[in-house]
Amino acid sequence: MLIGLVSDSHGELENLKDAAWKLAYNWHVKVIAHLGDECEDVDAIRDMRLEIIEVPGVYCQEYQDPAITNRVLKEFEGQRVLFTHTAEPHKNDLPDDPDPRQLALDRKVDVVAFGHTHIPEAKVENGVLWVNPGHLKNSDKKGHPPSFAVLDVDKDNARVLLIDLKSGDIFDSCDIENA
């Protein structure tokens, strides 16, 4: 199953639409996860008939609303995927928000998809795949161009591809096999 990952759109709706279009029509994803900061931006792609998973950024007012889940844990094809804005606890977490690092250490997740840093990365740490799709801003002070990710999961494997928004080129990948 293919899942699209985007993060940190910060009001760059055209870039979000471009990423969603590429994910839906080039990569054939059926699910897109927006990993925070301006999660309301997903309203711009709701008409695409995709399942949308959204988590708020730690500085969004929604993050402090106990009725809104800050960290979403879902299972796809036997892989447990945590969708979160941060890869670790944050001072703005609510008391019941799980700690992504502890979930990984306890092997309660297979993949942690996060945003926040605006730095795209894909790595395996202690048997858990960690992925940050980067950001969707036209320019960013950290120097990385806008990007998104494709997460491919099945019962035995999780693989992620990091993709440059403008060129469509894959610039990094990482995968794990579950024994």
N, C-alpha and C. Protein backbone atom coordinates (compact mmCIF):
# COMPACT_ATOMS: atom_id res chain seq x y z
N MET A 1 0.84 -1.17 0.00
CA MET A 1 0.00 0.00 0.00
C MET A 1 0.88 1.23 0.00
N LEU A 2 0.52 2.21 -0.81
CA LEU A 2 1.28 3.45 -0.91
C LEU A 2 0.57 4.56 -0.14
N ILE A 3 1.34 5.27 0.68
CA ILE A 3 0.83 6.38 1.48
C ILE A 3 1.68 7.61 1.17
N GLY A 4 1.04 8.72 0.85
CA GLY A 4 1.76 9.96 0.61
C GLY A 4 1.97 10.70 1.91
N LEU A 5 3.15 11.30 2.06
CA LEU A 5 3.48 12.07 3.26
C LEU A 5 3.87 13.49 2.86
N VAL A 6 3.21 14.46 3.48
CA VAL A 6 3.57 15.87 3.30
C VAL A 6 3.62 16.51 4.68
N SER A 7 4.36 17.60 4.78
CA SER A 7 4.47 18.29 6.06
C SER A 7 4.81 19.75 5.84
N ASP A 8 4.49 20.52 6.84
CA ASP A 8 4.92 21.92 6.91
C ASP A 8 4.61 22.68 5.63
N SER A 9 3.34 22.70 5.27
CA SER A 9 2.91 23.42 4.06
C SER A 9 2.87 24.93 4.29
N HIS A 10 2.64 25.37 5.51
CA HIS A 10 2.71 26.80 5.88
C HIS A 10 2.00 27.72 4.89
N GLY A 11 0.81 27.31 4.45
CA GLY A 11 0.01 28.16 3.58
C GLY A 11 0.40 28.13 2.11
N GLU A 12 1.39 27.33 1.75
CA GLU A 12 1.81 27.20 0.34
C GLU A 12 0.86 26.22 -0.35
N LEU A 13 -0.37 26.68 -0.59
CA LEU A 13 -1.42 25.80 -1.08
C LEU A 13 -1.14 25.25 -2.48
N GLU A 14 -0.52 26.04 -3.34
CA GLU A 14 -0.21 25.53 -4.69
C GLU A 14 0.79 24.38 -4.61
N ASN A 15 1.78 24.49 -3.73
CA ASN A 15 2.74 23.40 -3.57
C ASN A 15 2.07 22.17 -2.96
N LEU A 16 1.16 22.38 -2.03
CA LEU A 16 0.43 21.26 -1.45
C LEU A 16 -0.42 20.57 -2.51
N LYS A 17 -1.11 21.35 -3.31
CA LYS A 17 -1.92 20.77 -4.40
C LYS A 17 -1.04 20.02 -5.39
N ASP A 18 0.12 20.58 -5.72
CA ASP A 18 1.05 19.93 -6.65
C ASP A 18 1.53 18.60 -6.08
N ALA A 19 1.91 18.60 -4.81
CA ALA A 19 2.37 17.37 -4.18
C ALA A 19 1.24 16.34 -4.15
N ALA A 20 0.03 16.76 -3.78
CA ALA A 20 -1.10 15.83 -3.72
C ALA A 20 -1.42 15.27 -5.10
N TRP A 21 -1.37 16.12 -6.11
CA TRP A 21 -1.64 15.66 -7.47
C TRP A 21 -0.61 14.62 -7.89
N LYS A 22 0.68 14.91 -7.64
CA LYS A 22 1.73 13.95 -8.00
C LYS A 22 1.58 12.64 -7.24
N LEU A 23 1.24 12.75 -5.96
CA LEU A 23 1.05 11.54 -5.16
C LEU A 23 -0.12 10.71 -5.68
N ALA A 24 -1.22 11.37 -6.01
CA ALA A 24 -2.42 10.66 -6.46
C ALA A 24 -2.29 10.10 -7.87
N TYR A 25 -1.74 10.89 -8.78
CA TYR A 25 -1.77 10.50 -10.19
C TYR A 25 -0.47 9.89 -10.71
N ASN A 26 0.65 10.26 -10.13
CA ASN A 26 1.92 9.65 -10.53
C ASN A 26 2.23 8.41 -9.69
N TRP A 27 1.92 8.49 -8.40
CA TRP A 27 2.27 7.42 -7.48
C TRP A 27 1.07 6.55 -7.10
N HIS A 28 -0.13 7.00 -7.41
CA HIS A 28 -1.37 6.23 -7.18
C HIS A 28 -1.63 5.93 -5.71
N VAL A 29 -1.30 6.89 -4.84
CA VAL A 29 -1.62 6.71 -3.42
C VAL A 29 -3.12 6.92 -3.22
N LYS A 30 -3.64 6.30 -2.19
CA LYS A 30 -5.05 6.46 -1.82
C LYS A 30 -5.18 7.20 -0.50
N VAL A 31 -4.04 7.36 0.18
CA VAL A 31 -4.00 8.01 1.49
C VAL A 31 -2.88 9.06 1.47
N ILE A 32 -3.19 10.24 1.97
CA ILE A 32 -2.17 11.28 2.17
C ILE A 32 -2.21 11.70 3.63
N ALA A 33 -1.05 11.75 4.25
CA ALA A 33 -0.94 12.24 5.63
C ALA A 33 -0.25 13.59 5.62
N HIS A 34 -0.91 14.57 6.24
CA HIS A 34 -0.31 15.89 6.45
C HIS A 34 0.18 15.92 7.88
N LEU A 35 1.47 16.11 8.06
CA LEU A 35 2.11 15.95 9.36
C LEU A 35 2.29 17.25 10.12
N GLY A 36 1.42 18.19 9.87
CA GLY A 36 1.38 19.36 10.72
C GLY A 36 2.05 20.60 10.17
N ASP A 37 1.83 21.60 10.90
CA ASP A 37 2.01 23.02 10.61
C ASP A 37 1.13 23.40 9.43
N GLU A 38 0.11 24.10 9.82
CA GLU A 38 -0.97 24.54 8.92
C GLU A 38 -1.75 23.34 8.39
N CYS A 39 -2.14 22.45 9.32
CA CYS A 39 -2.91 21.28 8.91
C CYS A 39 -4.23 21.65 8.24
N GLU A 40 -4.73 22.86 8.50
CA GLU A 40 -5.96 23.30 7.83
C GLU A 40 -5.74 23.47 6.33
N ASP A 41 -4.50 23.50 5.89
CA ASP A 41 -4.20 23.59 4.46
C ASP A 41 -4.79 22.41 3.69
N VAL A 42 -5.03 21.28 4.37
CA VAL A 42 -5.57 20.11 3.67
C VAL A 42 -6.95 20.39 3.08
N ASP A 43 -7.61 21.44 3.53
CA ASP A 43 -8.90 21.80 2.91
C ASP A 43 -8.74 22.01 1.41
N ALA A 44 -7.56 22.42 0.97
CA ALA A 44 -7.30 22.68 -0.45
C ALA A 44 -7.26 21.40 -1.29
N ILE A 45 -7.14 20.24 -0.64
CA ILE A 45 -7.06 18.98 -1.41
C ILE A 45 -8.18 18.00 -1.05
N ARG A 46 -9.12 18.42 -0.26
CA ARG A 46 -10.19 17.50 0.16
C ARG A 46 -11.03 16.99 -1.00
N ASP A 47 -11.11 17.73 -2.09
CA ASP A 47 -11.93 17.31 -3.22
C ASP A 47 -11.27 16.22 -4.07
N MET A 48 -10.09 15.76 -3.68
CA MET A 48 -9.36 14.76 -4.48
C MET A 48 -9.81 13.33 -4.20
N ARG A 49 -10.72 13.14 -3.30
CA ARG A 49 -11.24 11.80 -2.97
C ARG A 49 -10.14 10.86 -2.47
N LEU A 50 -9.28 11.40 -1.65
CA LEU A 50 -8.25 10.61 -0.99
C LEU A 50 -8.56 10.56 0.49
N GLU A 51 -8.14 9.50 1.15
CA GLU A 51 -8.22 9.50 2.61
C GLU A 51 -7.13 10.45 3.10
N ILE A 52 -7.49 11.37 3.97
CA ILE A 52 -6.52 12.32 4.50
C ILE A 52 -6.37 12.11 6.00
N ILE A 53 -5.14 11.91 6.41
CA ILE A 53 -4.79 11.83 7.83
C ILE A 53 -4.11 13.15 8.15
N GLU A 54 -4.55 13.79 9.20
CA GLU A 54 -3.91 15.07 9.54
C GLU A 54 -3.63 15.16 11.03
N VAL A 55 -2.48 15.71 11.33
CA VAL A 55 -2.11 16.00 12.71
C VAL A 55 -1.71 17.47 12.78
N PRO A 56 -2.06 18.15 13.87
CA PRO A 56 -1.70 19.57 13.97
C PRO A 56 -0.23 19.75 14.32
N GLY A 57 0.29 20.92 13.96
CA GLY A 57 1.63 21.30 14.39
C GLY A 57 1.59 21.71 15.85
N VAL A 58 2.73 21.64 16.52
CA VAL A 58 2.78 21.87 17.96
C VAL A 58 2.41 23.30 18.36
N TYR A 59 2.48 24.25 17.42
CA TYR A 59 2.13 25.63 17.74
C TYR A 59 0.75 26.02 17.20
N CYS A 60 0.04 25.07 16.59
CA CYS A 60 -1.32 25.33 16.13
C CYS A 60 -2.27 25.28 17.33
N GLN A 61 -3.30 26.09 17.30
CA GLN A 61 -4.24 26.10 18.42
C GLN A 61 -4.91 24.74 18.59
N GLU A 62 -5.08 23.99 17.49
CA GLU A 62 -5.70 22.67 17.55
C GLU A 62 -4.89 21.69 18.40
N TYR A 63 -3.59 21.93 18.52
CA TYR A 63 -2.72 21.02 19.27
C TYR A 63 -3.11 20.97 20.74
N GLN A 64 -3.68 22.04 21.24
CA GLN A 64 -4.07 22.11 22.65
C GLN A 64 -5.52 21.66 22.89
N ASP A 65 -6.20 21.23 21.84
CA ASP A 65 -7.59 20.79 21.94
C ASP A 65 -7.62 19.28 22.20
N PRO A 66 -8.05 18.86 23.38
CA PRO A 66 -8.07 17.42 23.69
C PRO A 66 -8.98 16.60 22.76
N ALA A 67 -9.88 17.25 22.06
CA ALA A 67 -10.76 16.53 21.12
C ALA A 67 -10.07 16.19 19.81
N ILE A 68 -8.89 16.77 19.58
CA ILE A 68 -8.14 16.52 18.35
C ILE A 68 -6.91 15.68 18.70
N THR A 69 -6.71 14.61 17.96
CA THR A 69 -5.59 13.70 18.21
C THR A 69 -4.31 14.30 17.64
N ASN A 70 -3.31 14.46 18.49
CA ASN A 70 -2.02 15.02 18.05
C ASN A 70 -1.12 13.98 17.40
N ARG A 71 -1.26 12.74 17.80
CA ARG A 71 -0.46 11.66 17.24
C ARG A 71 -1.41 10.53 16.87
N VAL A 72 -1.39 10.17 15.59
CA VAL A 72 -2.31 9.17 15.07
C VAL A 72 -1.54 7.89 14.78
N LEU A 73 -1.99 6.79 15.36
CA LEU A 73 -1.39 5.49 15.12
C LEU A 73 -2.37 4.66 14.30
N LYS A 74 -1.92 4.23 13.11
CA LYS A 74 -2.77 3.43 12.22
C LYS A 74 -1.96 2.25 11.71
N GLU A 75 -2.69 1.18 11.42
CA GLU A 75 -2.04 -0.01 10.85
C GLU A 75 -2.44 -0.14 9.39
N PHE A 76 -1.43 -0.36 8.55
CA PHE A 76 -1.62 -0.58 7.13
C PHE A 76 -0.84 -1.83 6.74
N GLU A 77 -1.53 -2.82 6.20
CA GLU A 77 -0.87 -4.04 5.72
C GLU A 77 0.01 -4.67 6.81
N GLY A 78 -0.41 -4.56 8.05
CA GLY A 78 0.36 -5.14 9.15
C GLY A 78 1.45 -4.25 9.70
N GLN A 79 1.68 -3.09 9.10
CA GLN A 79 2.70 -2.15 9.59
C GLN A 79 2.03 -1.08 10.45
N ARG A 80 2.56 -0.86 11.63
CA ARG A 80 2.03 0.16 12.54
C ARG A 80 2.76 1.47 12.28
N VAL A 81 2.00 2.47 11.84
CA VAL A 81 2.58 3.75 11.44
C VAL A 81 2.08 4.84 12.38
N LEU A 82 3.02 5.57 12.97
CA LEU A 82 2.68 6.71 13.81
C LEU A 82 2.83 7.98 12.98
N PHE A 83 1.78 8.78 12.93
CA PHE A 83 1.80 10.07 12.26
C PHE A 83 1.84 11.14 13.34
N THR A 84 2.86 11.99 13.34
CA THR A 84 3.08 12.97 14.39
C THR A 84 3.80 14.18 13.81
N HIS A 85 3.65 15.32 14.45
CA HIS A 85 4.39 16.48 13.96
C HIS A 85 5.84 16.44 14.44
N THR A 86 6.06 15.98 15.65
CA THR A 86 7.43 15.91 16.18
C THR A 86 7.84 14.47 16.41
N ALA A 87 9.13 14.23 16.32
CA ALA A 87 9.67 12.89 16.51
C ALA A 87 9.94 12.58 17.98
N GLU A 88 9.73 13.56 18.82
CA GLU A 88 9.97 13.38 20.25
C GLU A 88 8.94 14.18 21.03
N PRO A 89 8.89 14.01 22.34
CA PRO A 89 7.94 14.80 23.13
C PRO A 89 8.21 16.29 22.95
N HIS A 90 7.15 17.09 23.11
CA HIS A 90 7.25 18.54 22.96
C HIS A 90 6.59 19.20 24.15
N LYS A 91 7.06 20.38 24.50
CA LYS A 91 6.52 21.10 25.66
C LYS A 91 5.02 21.39 25.51
N ASN A 92 4.51 21.42 24.30
CA ASN A 92 3.09 21.69 24.08
C ASN A 92 2.23 20.43 24.03
N ASP A 93 2.83 19.26 24.24
CA ASP A 93 2.05 18.02 24.25
C ASP A 93 0.99 18.06 25.34
N LEU A 94 -0.10 17.38 25.08
CA LEU A 94 -1.12 17.18 26.09
C LEU A 94 -0.69 16.00 26.96
N PRO A 95 -1.23 15.89 28.19
CA PRO A 95 -0.77 14.83 29.10
C PRO A 95 -0.88 13.42 28.54
N ASP A 96 -1.86 13.14 27.71
CA ASP A 96 -2.05 11.79 27.19
C ASP A 96 -1.36 11.54 25.85
N ASP A 97 -0.64 12.53 25.32
CA ASP A 97 0.05 12.33 24.04
C ASP A 97 1.19 11.32 24.23
N PRO A 98 1.21 10.27 23.42
CA PRO A 98 2.29 9.29 23.55
C PRO A 98 3.63 9.86 23.09
N ASP A 99 4.69 9.33 23.65
CA ASP A 99 6.05 9.72 23.30
C ASP A 99 6.49 8.87 22.10
N PRO A 100 6.74 9.48 20.93
CA PRO A 100 7.14 8.70 19.76
C PRO A 100 8.39 7.86 19.99
N ARG A 101 9.36 8.39 20.69
CA ARG A 101 10.61 7.65 20.94
C ARG A 101 10.34 6.41 21.80
N GLN A 102 9.47 6.57 22.81
CA GLN A 102 9.17 5.43 23.68
C GLN A 102 8.38 4.37 22.93
N LEU A 103 7.43 4.80 22.08
CA LEU A 103 6.69 3.84 21.26
C LEU A 103 7.66 3.04 20.37
N ALA A 104 8.66 3.71 19.83
CA ALA A 104 9.65 3.03 18.99
C ALA A 104 10.51 2.08 19.82
N LEU A 105 10.97 2.54 20.98
CA LEU A 105 11.79 1.69 21.85
C LEU A 105 11.03 0.44 22.30
N ASP A 106 9.73 0.61 22.57
CA ASP A 106 8.90 -0.51 23.01
C ASP A 106 8.41 -1.36 21.84
N ARG A 107 8.84 -1.02 20.61
CA ARG A 107 8.46 -1.74 19.39
C ARG A 107 6.94 -1.79 19.19
N LYS A 108 6.28 -0.68 19.56
CA LYS A 108 4.83 -0.56 19.34
C LYS A 108 4.52 0.10 18.01
N VAL A 109 5.56 0.53 17.29
CA VAL A 109 5.42 1.11 15.95
C VAL A 109 6.50 0.54 15.05
N ASP A 110 6.21 0.50 13.76
CA ASP A 110 7.19 0.08 12.77
C ASP A 110 7.74 1.27 11.99
N VAL A 111 6.90 2.32 11.88
CA VAL A 111 7.27 3.53 11.13
C VAL A 111 6.82 4.74 11.94
N VAL A 112 7.69 5.74 12.01
CA VAL A 112 7.31 7.04 12.58
C VAL A 112 7.45 8.07 11.46
N ALA A 113 6.31 8.66 11.08
CA ALA A 113 6.28 9.72 10.06
C ALA A 113 6.07 11.04 10.78
N PHE A 114 7.01 11.97 10.61
CA PHE A 114 6.97 13.23 11.35
C PHE A 114 7.41 14.39 10.47
N GLY A 115 7.19 15.59 10.96
CA GLY A 115 7.59 16.80 10.25
C GLY A 115 8.40 17.68 11.17
N HIS A 116 8.02 18.95 11.26
CA HIS A 116 8.53 19.94 12.21
C HIS A 116 9.89 20.54 11.85
N THR A 117 10.87 19.74 11.50
CA THR A 117 12.23 20.26 11.31
C THR A 117 12.44 20.89 9.93
N HIS A 118 11.57 20.59 8.98
CA HIS A 118 11.71 21.03 7.58
C HIS A 118 12.88 20.37 6.88
N ILE A 119 13.48 19.36 7.50
CA ILE A 119 14.63 18.67 6.94
C ILE A 119 14.20 17.26 6.53
N PRO A 120 14.22 16.97 5.23
CA PRO A 120 13.83 15.62 4.81
C PRO A 120 14.86 14.59 5.28
N GLU A 121 14.33 13.47 5.78
CA GLU A 121 15.24 12.41 6.19
C GLU A 121 14.51 11.08 6.21
N ALA A 122 15.27 10.04 6.02
CA ALA A 122 14.77 8.67 6.10
C ALA A 122 15.88 7.82 6.68
N LYS A 123 15.57 7.16 7.79
CA LYS A 123 16.59 6.34 8.46
C LYS A 123 15.91 5.21 9.22
N VAL A 124 16.69 4.18 9.51
CA VAL A 124 16.24 3.10 10.36
C VAL A 124 17.01 3.20 11.66
N GLU A 125 16.27 3.18 12.76
CA GLU A 125 16.88 3.26 14.08
C GLU A 125 16.22 2.20 14.96
N ASN A 126 17.01 1.25 15.43
CA ASN A 126 16.51 0.16 16.27
C ASN A 126 15.33 -0.57 15.63
N GLY A 127 15.42 -0.79 14.33
CA GLY A 127 14.40 -1.54 13.63
C GLY A 127 13.15 -0.76 13.26
N VAL A 128 13.13 0.53 13.53
CA VAL A 128 11.99 1.39 13.21
C VAL A 128 12.40 2.36 12.11
N LEU A 129 11.53 2.50 11.11
CA LEU A 129 11.77 3.44 10.01
C LEU A 129 11.26 4.82 10.43
N TRP A 130 12.13 5.81 10.40
CA TRP A 130 11.79 7.20 10.72
C TRP A 130 11.84 8.00 9.43
N VAL A 131 10.77 8.75 9.16
CA VAL A 131 10.74 9.52 7.91
C VAL A 131 10.15 10.90 8.14
N ASN A 132 10.85 11.89 7.61
CA ASN A 132 10.37 13.26 7.56
C ASN A 132 10.35 13.66 6.08
N PRO A 133 9.16 13.98 5.55
CA PRO A 133 9.09 14.31 4.12
C PRO A 133 9.65 15.68 3.77
N GLY A 134 10.06 16.47 4.76
CA GLY A 134 10.57 17.82 4.50
C GLY A 134 9.47 18.85 4.66
N HIS A 135 9.43 19.80 3.75
CA HIS A 135 8.45 20.90 3.82
C HIS A 135 7.96 21.21 2.42
N LEU A 136 6.94 22.09 2.33
CA LEU A 136 6.39 22.47 1.03
C LEU A 136 6.51 23.98 0.77
N LYS A 137 7.40 24.64 1.47
CA LYS A 137 7.59 26.07 1.27
C LYS A 137 8.43 26.33 0.02
N ASN A 138 8.15 27.45 -0.65
CA ASN A 138 8.97 27.80 -1.83
C ASN A 138 10.40 28.09 -1.45
N SER A 139 10.60 28.70 -0.29
CA SER A 139 11.96 28.91 0.20
C SER A 139 11.95 28.67 1.70
N ASP A 140 13.04 28.15 2.19
CA ASP A 140 13.13 27.79 3.60
C ASP A 140 14.52 28.13 4.10
N LYS A 141 14.60 28.68 5.28
CA LYS A 141 15.89 29.12 5.82
C LYS A 141 16.87 27.97 6.08
N LYS A 142 16.37 26.74 6.11
CA LYS A 142 17.27 25.60 6.32
C LYS A 142 17.89 25.10 5.02
N GLY A 143 17.45 25.66 3.88
CA GLY A 143 18.11 25.40 2.61
C GLY A 143 17.65 24.20 1.81
N HIS A 144 16.65 23.49 2.29
CA HIS A 144 16.16 22.33 1.55
C HIS A 144 15.00 22.75 0.64
N PRO A 145 14.96 22.25 -0.58
CA PRO A 145 13.84 22.57 -1.47
C PRO A 145 12.57 21.84 -1.01
N PRO A 146 11.40 22.25 -1.50
CA PRO A 146 10.18 21.57 -1.12
C PRO A 146 10.20 20.11 -1.55
N SER A 147 9.65 19.24 -0.68
CA SER A 147 9.68 17.81 -0.95
C SER A 147 8.51 17.12 -0.29
N PHE A 148 8.31 15.88 -0.69
CA PHE A 148 7.29 15.03 -0.09
C PHE A 148 7.82 13.60 -0.10
N ALA A 149 7.04 12.66 0.42
CA ALA A 149 7.51 11.28 0.50
C ALA A 149 6.40 10.30 0.11
N VAL A 150 6.83 9.14 -0.34
CA VAL A 150 5.93 8.02 -0.59
C VAL A 150 6.37 6.89 0.33
N LEU A 151 5.45 6.44 1.17
CA LEU A 151 5.68 5.32 2.07
C LEU A 151 4.99 4.10 1.47
N ASP A 152 5.74 3.05 1.23
CA ASP A 152 5.22 1.82 0.64
C ASP A 152 5.30 0.73 1.71
N VAL A 153 4.14 0.23 2.14
CA VAL A 153 4.12 -0.77 3.20
C VAL A 153 3.39 -2.02 2.73
N ASP A 154 3.91 -3.16 3.18
CA ASP A 154 3.20 -4.43 3.06
C ASP A 154 3.52 -5.22 4.33
N LYS A 155 3.05 -6.44 4.41
CA LYS A 155 3.18 -7.17 5.67
C LYS A 155 4.64 -7.45 6.06
N ASP A 156 5.54 -7.45 5.08
CA ASP A 156 6.93 -7.80 5.35
C ASP A 156 7.91 -6.64 5.28
N ASN A 157 7.48 -5.50 4.76
CA ASN A 157 8.45 -4.45 4.43
C ASN A 157 7.81 -3.07 4.55
N ALA A 158 8.63 -2.10 4.88
CA ALA A 158 8.25 -0.69 4.80
C ALA A 158 9.39 0.03 4.11
N ARG A 159 9.03 0.80 3.08
CA ARG A 159 10.05 1.52 2.31
C ARG A 159 9.56 2.93 2.08
N VAL A 160 10.47 3.88 2.14
CA VAL A 160 10.10 5.27 1.89
C VAL A 160 11.00 5.86 0.82
N LEU A 161 10.40 6.70 -0.02
CA LEU A 161 11.12 7.44 -1.03
C LEU A 161 10.91 8.92 -0.75
N LEU A 162 11.99 9.69 -0.73
CA LEU A 162 11.91 11.14 -0.59
C LEU A 162 12.01 11.75 -1.98
N ILE A 163 11.09 12.67 -2.29
CA ILE A 163 10.95 13.17 -3.66
C ILE A 163 10.96 14.69 -3.69
N ASP A 164 11.76 15.25 -4.56
CA ASP A 164 11.82 16.69 -4.77
C ASP A 164 10.53 17.13 -5.45
N LEU A 165 9.84 18.11 -4.89
CA LEU A 165 8.54 18.55 -5.42
C LEU A 165 8.66 19.07 -6.84
N LYS A 166 9.63 19.90 -7.12
CA LYS A 166 9.71 20.56 -8.42
C LYS A 166 10.16 19.63 -9.54
N SER A 167 11.21 18.84 -9.30
CA SER A 167 11.74 17.98 -10.35
C SER A 167 11.06 16.61 -10.41
N GLY A 168 10.49 16.17 -9.28
CA GLY A 168 9.93 14.83 -9.21
C GLY A 168 10.97 13.75 -9.00
N ASP A 169 12.23 14.15 -8.82
CA ASP A 169 13.31 13.19 -8.64
C ASP A 169 13.32 12.61 -7.23
N ILE A 170 13.59 11.31 -7.14
CA ILE A 170 13.80 10.66 -5.84
C ILE A 170 15.22 10.99 -5.41
N PHE A 171 15.37 11.58 -4.23
CA PHE A 171 16.72 11.95 -3.78
C PHE A 171 17.20 11.13 -2.59
N ASP A 172 16.34 10.30 -2.01
CA ASP A 172 16.77 9.42 -0.93
C ASP A 172 15.72 8.34 -0.76
N SER A 173 16.13 7.22 -0.18
CA SER A 173 15.20 6.14 0.13
C SER A 173 15.75 5.34 1.29
N CYS A 174 14.87 4.58 1.91
CA CYS A 174 15.27 3.76 3.05
C CYS A 174 14.20 2.70 3.23
N ASP A 175 14.60 1.49 3.70
CA ASP A 175 13.58 0.48 3.93
C ASP A 175 13.98 -0.46 5.06
N ILE A 176 12.97 -1.15 5.58
CA ILE A 176 13.18 -2.18 6.61
C ILE A 176 12.39 -3.40 6.19
N GLU A 177 12.90 -4.54 6.59
CA GLU A 177 12.17 -5.79 6.44
C GLU A 177 11.87 -6.30 7.83
N ASN A 178 10.64 -6.70 8.04
CA ASN A 178 10.25 -7.26 9.34
C ASN A 178 10.45 -8.76 9.31
N ALA A 179 11.10 -9.25 10.34
CA ALA A 179 11.35 -10.70 10.41
C ALA A 179 10.14 -11.41 10.98
